[in-house]
Amino acid sequence: MQYAIAAAPPWWSRLLARVSGAEGRAVVRELRPRARVTPYDERPPTLTDLYSARRLDMVRLALFLVDDLHTAEDVVQDAFAAVCRAYGTSLDGLQDPAAYLHTAVVNAARSVLRRRRTARGYTPPHQPASAPVDERLLLAEEHRTVLDALSQLTARQREVLVLRYWSELTEAQIARTLGLSRGTVKSTASRALDALEKRLEASR
């Protein structure tokens, strides 16, 4: 499966412009999930529907959080498994599958990062395996610069920026996903953008 992005200017370029002030306070919207699924027919969505509609978006989201494609795919599998354990394949009682899935992916990514930090206490720093062709399509040099800068932010700052600018969640939705207040989301995003700008300037 290919993970190549659309030809439109990538979100990290717009994010760079955003933190550099080149576009004022414009909202970054690039590299968002392009093909939103049309409303389901009259039947409620099932786990299979959710998987077909959102898997690729969730892999990309996880990739921005864990910075490794294979790990990101595992994170998404774990997230879907968590959804299945909680609500079954029919998703009975799940009011907002997409929101629940975002939370499951973030939580699974956090678990991976915790295990990675623990492992680093006993082994050399994590070295991702050689990138396959499809990952290189996604992670061109300009992309890598921004991903490297993102990786230097705190986990919360990275989560807030990725959920805001990749997943295009509102402050209220991010607050629910991360279990934070809207004020904390807003202040975290502001500090994260400032920190990201400094790291990107230092890398030039």
C-alpha atoms as a PDB file:
ATOM      1  CA  MET A   1       0.000   0.000   0.000  1.00  0.00           C
ATOM      2  CA  GLN A   2       1.320   3.430  -0.900  1.00  0.00           C
ATOM      3  CA  TYR A   3       1.355   6.317   1.565  1.00  0.00           C
ATOM      4  CA  ALA A   4       2.217   9.034  -0.927  1.00  0.00           C
ATOM      5  CA  ILE A   5       0.661  12.418  -0.272  1.00  0.00           C
ATOM      6  CA  ALA A   6      -1.180  14.705  -2.640  1.00  0.00           C
ATOM      7  CA  ALA A   7       0.727  17.138  -4.819  1.00  0.00           C
ATOM      8  CA  ALA A   8      -0.701  20.164  -3.002  1.00  0.00           C
ATOM      9  CA  PRO A   9       1.726  22.102  -0.750  1.00  0.00           C
ATOM     10  CA  PRO A  10       2.313  19.879   2.319  1.00  0.00           C
ATOM     11  CA  TRP A  11       1.011  20.864   5.688  1.00  0.00           C
ATOM     12  CA  TRP A  12       4.468  21.206   7.162  1.00  0.00           C
ATOM     13  CA  SER A  13       5.372  23.867   4.588  1.00  0.00           C
ATOM     14  CA  ARG A  14       2.259  25.782   5.540  1.00  0.00           C
ATOM     15  CA  LEU A  15       3.038  25.129   9.198  1.00  0.00           C
ATOM     16  CA  LEU A  16       6.501  26.561   8.654  1.00  0.00           C
ATOM     17  CA  ALA A  17       4.921  29.610   7.074  1.00  0.00           C
ATOM     18  CA  ARG A  18       2.505  29.807   9.991  1.00  0.00           C
ATOM     19  CA  VAL A  19       5.154  29.735  12.697  1.00  0.00           C
ATOM     20  CA  SER A  20       7.329  32.118  10.680  1.00  0.00           C
ATOM     21  CA  GLY A  21       4.483  34.609  10.423  1.00  0.00           C
ATOM     22  CA  ALA A  22       4.608  34.630   6.618  1.00  0.00           C
ATOM     23  CA  GLU A  23       0.890  34.008   6.373  1.00  0.00           C
ATOM     24  CA  GLY A  24      -0.185  35.858   9.471  1.00  0.00           C
ATOM     25  CA  ARG A  25      -2.526  33.790  11.594  1.00  0.00           C
ATOM     26  CA  ALA A  26      -3.808  31.671   8.705  1.00  0.00           C
ATOM     27  CA  VAL A  27      -4.958  28.197   9.635  1.00  0.00           C
ATOM     28  CA  VAL A  28      -2.804  25.361   8.355  1.00  0.00           C
ATOM     29  CA  ARG A  29      -4.880  22.906   6.372  1.00  0.00           C
ATOM     30  CA  GLU A  30      -2.559  20.951   4.075  1.00  0.00           C
ATOM     31  CA  LEU A  31      -1.944  17.207   4.209  1.00  0.00           C
ATOM     32  CA  ARG A  32      -5.258  16.663   5.884  1.00  0.00           C
ATOM     33  CA  PRO A  33      -7.328  13.589   5.089  1.00  0.00           C
ATOM     34  CA  ARG A  34      -8.468  14.469   1.581  1.00  0.00           C
ATOM     35  CA  ALA A  35     -11.189  11.942   0.954  1.00  0.00           C
ATOM     36  CA  ARG A  36     -13.696  12.250   3.714  1.00  0.00           C
ATOM     37  CA  VAL A  37     -16.181   9.469   3.636  1.00  0.00           C
ATOM     38  CA  THR A  38     -19.672  10.383   2.577  1.00  0.00           C
ATOM     39  CA  PRO A  39     -22.368   9.689   5.139  1.00  0.00           C
ATOM     40  CA  TYR A  40     -23.131   6.061   5.597  1.00  0.00           C
ATOM     41  CA  ASP A  41     -26.411   4.746   4.354  1.00  0.00           C
ATOM     42  CA  GLU A  42     -29.250   4.229   6.796  1.00  0.00           C
ATOM     43  CA  ARG A  43     -27.517   1.386   8.642  1.00  0.00           C
ATOM     44  CA  PRO A  44     -25.149   2.252  11.490  1.00  0.00           C
ATOM     45  CA  PRO A  45     -21.423   2.012  10.621  1.00  0.00           C
ATOM     46  CA  THR A  46     -19.622  -1.167  11.605  1.00  0.00           C
ATOM     47  CA  LEU A  47     -16.006  -1.754  12.608  1.00  0.00           C
ATOM     48  CA  THR A  48     -15.313  -2.857   9.034  1.00  0.00           C
ATOM     49  CA  ASP A  49     -16.728   0.435   7.728  1.00  0.00           C
ATOM     50  CA  LEU A  50     -14.609   2.379  10.192  1.00  0.00           C
ATOM     51  CA  TYR A  51     -11.485   0.433   9.262  1.00  0.00           C
ATOM     52  CA  SER A  52     -12.008   0.933   5.535  1.00  0.00           C
ATOM     53  CA  ALA A  53     -12.761   4.633   5.941  1.00  0.00           C
ATOM     54  CA  ARG A  54     -10.151   5.701   8.484  1.00  0.00           C
ATOM     55  CA  ARG A  55      -7.224   3.278   8.578  1.00  0.00           C
ATOM     56  CA  LEU A  56      -4.940   5.243   6.251  1.00  0.00           C
ATOM     57  CA  ASP A  57      -5.671   8.543   7.982  1.00  0.00           C
ATOM     58  CA  MET A  58      -4.932   6.942  11.341  1.00  0.00           C
ATOM     59  CA  VAL A  59      -1.642   5.445  10.111  1.00  0.00           C
ATOM     60  CA  ARG A  60      -0.522   8.893   9.009  1.00  0.00           C
ATOM     61  CA  LEU A  61      -1.616  10.378  12.328  1.00  0.00           C
ATOM     62  CA  ALA A  62       0.290   7.696  14.247  1.00  0.00           C
ATOM     63  CA  LEU A  63       3.354   8.219  12.058  1.00  0.00           C
ATOM     64  CA  PHE A  64       3.568  11.854  13.125  1.00  0.00           C
ATOM     65  CA  LEU A  65       3.453  10.724  16.760  1.00  0.00           C
ATOM     66  CA  VAL A  66       5.872   7.770  16.720  1.00  0.00           C
ATOM     67  CA  ASP A  67       8.031   8.633  13.668  1.00  0.00           C
ATOM     68  CA  ASP A  68       8.217   5.093  12.304  1.00  0.00           C
ATOM     69  CA  LEU A  69       5.887   3.669   9.686  1.00  0.00           C
ATOM     70  CA  HIS A  70       5.924   0.056  10.837  1.00  0.00           C
ATOM     71  CA  THR A  71       5.331   1.107  14.439  1.00  0.00           C
ATOM     72  CA  ALA A  72       2.557   3.450  13.306  1.00  0.00           C
ATOM     73  CA  GLU A  73       0.801   0.575  11.556  1.00  0.00           C
ATOM     74  CA  ASP A  74       1.057  -1.498  14.745  1.00  0.00           C
ATOM     75  CA  VAL A  75      -0.340   1.423  16.754  1.00  0.00           C
ATOM     76  CA  VAL A  76      -3.361   1.636  14.470  1.00  0.00           C
ATOM     77  CA  GLN A  77      -3.947  -2.119  14.652  1.00  0.00           C
ATOM     78  CA  ASP A  78      -3.842  -1.874  18.441  1.00  0.00           C
ATOM     79  CA  ALA A  79      -6.291   1.049  18.343  1.00  0.00           C
ATOM     80  CA  PHE A  80      -8.796  -0.833  16.201  1.00  0.00           C
ATOM     81  CA  ALA A  81      -8.417  -3.854  18.465  1.00  0.00           C
ATOM     82  CA  ALA A  82      -9.224  -1.632  21.444  1.00  0.00           C
ATOM     83  CA  VAL A  83     -12.350  -0.347  19.681  1.00  0.00           C
ATOM     84  CA  CYS A  84     -13.400  -3.920  18.940  1.00  0.00           C
ATOM     85  CA  ARG A  85     -12.852  -5.050  22.529  1.00  0.00           C
ATOM     86  CA  ALA A  86     -14.888  -2.153  23.874  1.00  0.00           C
ATOM     87  CA  TYR A  87     -17.771  -2.099  21.376  1.00  0.00           C
ATOM     88  CA  GLY A  88     -17.591  -5.214  19.226  1.00  0.00           C
ATOM     89  CA  THR A  89     -17.721  -5.293  15.441  1.00  0.00           C
ATOM     90  CA  SER A  90     -21.143  -3.649  15.342  1.00  0.00           C
ATOM     91  CA  LEU A  91     -19.953  -0.645  17.404  1.00  0.00           C
ATOM     92  CA  ASP A  92     -23.162  -0.805  19.425  1.00  0.00           C
ATOM     93  CA  GLY A  93     -23.375   2.112  21.838  1.00  0.00           C
ATOM     94  CA  LEU A  94     -20.475   4.047  20.331  1.00  0.00           C
ATOM     95  CA  GLN A  95     -21.784   7.536  19.627  1.00  0.00           C
ATOM     96  CA  ASP A  96     -18.759   8.986  17.820  1.00  0.00           C
ATOM     97  CA  PRO A  97     -16.522   6.268  16.317  1.00  0.00           C
ATOM     98  CA  ALA A  98     -14.085   8.725  14.731  1.00  0.00           C
ATOM     99  CA  ALA A  99     -13.484  10.578  18.004  1.00  0.00           C
ATOM    100  CA  TYR A 100     -13.051   7.327  19.922  1.00  0.00           C
ATOM    101  CA  LEU A 101     -10.588   6.102  17.296  1.00  0.00           C
ATOM    102  CA  HIS A 102      -8.514   9.286  17.551  1.00  0.00           C
ATOM    103  CA  THR A 103      -8.271   8.783  21.305  1.00  0.00           C
ATOM    104  CA  ALA A 104      -7.373   5.105  20.879  1.00  0.00           C
ATOM    105  CA  VAL A 105      -4.581   5.943  18.421  1.00  0.00           C
ATOM    106  CA  VAL A 106      -3.142   8.650  20.675  1.00  0.00           C
ATOM    107  CA  ASN A 107      -3.231   6.313  23.688  1.00  0.00           C
ATOM    108  CA  ALA A 108      -1.593   3.478  21.743  1.00  0.00           C
ATOM    109  CA  ALA A 109       1.102   5.863  20.497  1.00  0.00           C
ATOM    110  CA  ARG A 110       1.739   7.013  24.055  1.00  0.00           C
ATOM    111  CA  SER A 111       2.213   3.396  25.136  1.00  0.00           C
ATOM    112  CA  VAL A 112       4.746   2.854  22.350  1.00  0.00           C
ATOM    113  CA  LEU A 113       6.685   5.968  23.324  1.00  0.00           C
ATOM    114  CA  ARG A 114       6.706   4.924  26.998  1.00  0.00           C
ATOM    115  CA  ARG A 115       8.081   1.494  26.068  1.00  0.00           C
ATOM    116  CA  ARG A 116      10.644   3.137  23.795  1.00  0.00           C
ATOM    117  CA  ARG A 117      11.850   5.423  26.592  1.00  0.00           C
ATOM    118  CA  THR A 118      12.154   2.446  28.925  1.00  0.00           C
ATOM    119  CA  ALA A 119      14.073   0.426  26.346  1.00  0.00           C
ATOM    120  CA  ARG A 120      16.476   3.299  25.774  1.00  0.00           C
ATOM    121  CA  GLY A 121      17.551   2.991  29.381  1.00  0.00           C
ATOM    122  CA  TYR A 122      19.046  -0.395  28.542  1.00  0.00           C
ATOM    123  CA  THR A 123      19.845  -0.273  24.829  1.00  0.00           C
ATOM    124  CA  PRO A 124      21.289   2.200  22.292  1.00  0.00           C
ATOM    125  CA  PRO A 125      18.908   4.904  20.990  1.00  0.00           C
ATOM    126  CA  HIS A 126      16.062   3.743  18.779  1.00  0.00           C
ATOM    127  CA  GLN A 127      17.102   3.433  15.151  1.00  0.00           C
ATOM    128  CA  PRO A 128      14.179   2.945  12.739  1.00  0.00           C
ATOM    129  CA  ALA A 129      14.625   0.250  10.117  1.00  0.00           C
ATOM    130  CA  SER A 130      15.527   1.344   6.611  1.00  0.00           C
ATOM    131  CA  ALA A 131      12.559   3.149   5.123  1.00  0.00           C
ATOM    132  CA  PRO A 132      10.646   1.201   2.474  1.00  0.00           C
ATOM    133  CA  VAL A 133       9.836   2.889  -0.813  1.00  0.00           C
ATOM    134  CA  ASP A 134       6.369   3.974   0.276  1.00  0.00           C
ATOM    135  CA  GLU A 135       7.721   5.642   3.416  1.00  0.00           C
ATOM    136  CA  ARG A 136      10.344   7.554   1.443  1.00  0.00           C
ATOM    137  CA  LEU A 137       7.538   8.948  -0.690  1.00  0.00           C
ATOM    138  CA  LEU A 138       5.953  10.315   2.450  1.00  0.00           C
ATOM    139  CA  LEU A 139       9.123  11.471   4.156  1.00  0.00           C
ATOM    140  CA  ALA A 140      10.941  13.641   1.633  1.00  0.00           C
ATOM    141  CA  GLU A 141      13.765  15.791   2.962  1.00  0.00           C
ATOM    142  CA  GLU A 142      11.609  18.843   3.660  1.00  0.00           C
ATOM    143  CA  HIS A 143       9.117  16.632   5.451  1.00  0.00           C
ATOM    144  CA  ARG A 144      11.848  15.080   7.560  1.00  0.00           C
ATOM    145  CA  THR A 145      13.039  18.495   8.723  1.00  0.00           C
ATOM    146  CA  VAL A 146       9.629  19.295  10.169  1.00  0.00           C
ATOM    147  CA  LEU A 147       9.135  15.801  11.600  1.00  0.00           C
ATOM    148  CA  ASP A 148      12.523  16.057  13.299  1.00  0.00           C
ATOM    149  CA  ALA A 149      11.497  19.410  14.774  1.00  0.00           C
ATOM    150  CA  LEU A 150       8.184  17.939  15.930  1.00  0.00           C
ATOM    151  CA  SER A 151      10.014  15.058  17.613  1.00  0.00           C
ATOM    152  CA  GLN A 152      11.870  17.563  19.800  1.00  0.00           C
ATOM    153  CA  LEU A 153       8.660  18.961  21.247  1.00  0.00           C
ATOM    154  CA  THR A 154       7.075  17.520  24.343  1.00  0.00           C
ATOM    155  CA  ALA A 155       4.651  14.661  23.768  1.00  0.00           C
ATOM    156  CA  ARG A 156       1.675  16.875  24.619  1.00  0.00           C
ATOM    157  CA  GLN A 157       2.810  19.669  22.306  1.00  0.00           C
ATOM    158  CA  ARG A 158       3.302  17.215  19.450  1.00  0.00           C
ATOM    159  CA  GLU A 159      -0.100  15.617  20.021  1.00  0.00           C
ATOM    160  CA  VAL A 160      -1.873  18.979  20.065  1.00  0.00           C
ATOM    161  CA  LEU A 161      -0.211  20.193  16.850  1.00  0.00           C
ATOM    162  CA  VAL A 162      -0.764  16.954  14.965  1.00  0.00           C
ATOM    163  CA  LEU A 163      -4.397  16.710  16.020  1.00  0.00           C
ATOM    164  CA  ARG A 164      -4.955  20.374  15.128  1.00  0.00           C
ATOM    165  CA  TYR A 165      -3.131  20.646  11.834  1.00  0.00           C
ATOM    166  CA  TRP A 166      -3.231  17.105  10.490  1.00  0.00           C
ATOM    167  CA  SER A 167      -6.538  15.808  11.836  1.00  0.00           C
ATOM    168  CA  GLU A 168      -8.121  19.289  11.823  1.00  0.00           C
ATOM    169  CA  LEU A 169      -9.803  18.783  15.163  1.00  0.00           C
ATOM    170  CA  THR A 170     -11.208  21.786  16.967  1.00  0.00           C
ATOM    171  CA  GLU A 171      -9.881  22.875  20.345  1.00  0.00           C
ATOM    172  CA  ALA A 172     -12.904  21.250  21.977  1.00  0.00           C
ATOM    173  CA  GLN A 173     -12.339  17.973  20.126  1.00  0.00           C
ATOM    174  CA  ILE A 174      -8.641  17.947  20.999  1.00  0.00           C
ATOM    175  CA  ALA A 175      -9.521  18.629  24.623  1.00  0.00           C
ATOM    176  CA  ARG A 176     -11.853  15.613  24.671  1.00  0.00           C
ATOM    177  CA  THR A 177      -9.333  13.403  22.876  1.00  0.00           C
ATOM    178  CA  LEU A 178      -6.450  14.237  25.211  1.00  0.00           C
ATOM    179  CA  GLY A 179      -8.464  14.739  28.395  1.00  0.00           C
ATOM    180  CA  LEU A 180      -7.458  18.393  28.716  1.00  0.00           C
ATOM    181  CA  SER A 181      -9.261  21.681  29.127  1.00  0.00           C
ATOM    182  CA  ARG A 182      -9.746  23.916  26.082  1.00  0.00           C
ATOM    183  CA  GLY A 183      -7.576  26.552  27.739  1.00  0.00           C
ATOM    184  CA  THR A 184      -4.743  24.043  28.135  1.00  0.00           C
ATOM    185  CA  VAL A 185      -5.069  23.010  24.482  1.00  0.00           C
ATOM    186  CA  LYS A 186      -4.906  26.637  23.352  1.00  0.00           C
ATOM    187  CA  SER A 187      -1.902  27.536  25.488  1.00  0.00           C
ATOM    188  CA  THR A 188      -0.102  24.308  24.587  1.00  0.00           C
ATOM    189  CA  ALA A 189      -0.600  24.963  20.867  1.00  0.00           C
ATOM    190  CA  SER A 190       0.766  28.491  21.230  1.00  0.00           C
ATOM    191  CA  ARG A 191       3.877  27.331  23.088  1.00  0.00           C
ATOM    192  CA  ALA A 192       4.349  24.440  20.677  1.00  0.00           C
ATOM    193  CA  LEU A 193       4.265  26.717  17.636  1.00  0.00           C
ATOM    194  CA  ASP A 194       6.813  29.038  19.232  1.00  0.00           C
ATOM    195  CA  ALA A 195       9.089  26.097  20.075  1.00  0.00           C
ATOM    196  CA  LEU A 196       8.677  24.621  16.607  1.00  0.00           C
ATOM    197  CA  GLU A 197       9.621  27.920  14.976  1.00  0.00           C
ATOM    198  CA  LYS A 198      12.828  28.117  17.014  1.00  0.00           C
ATOM    199  CA  ARG A 199      13.808  24.548  16.119  1.00  0.00           C
ATOM    200  CA  LEU A 200      13.103  25.061  12.422  1.00  0.00           C
ATOM    201  CA  GLU A 201      15.120  28.285  12.382  1.00  0.00           C
ATOM    202  CA  ALA A 202      18.007  26.521  14.119  1.00  0.00           C
ATOM    203  CA  SER A 203      17.994  23.776  11.484  1.00  0.00           C
ATOM    204  CA  ARG A 204      18.379  26.173   8.553  1.00  0.00           C
END
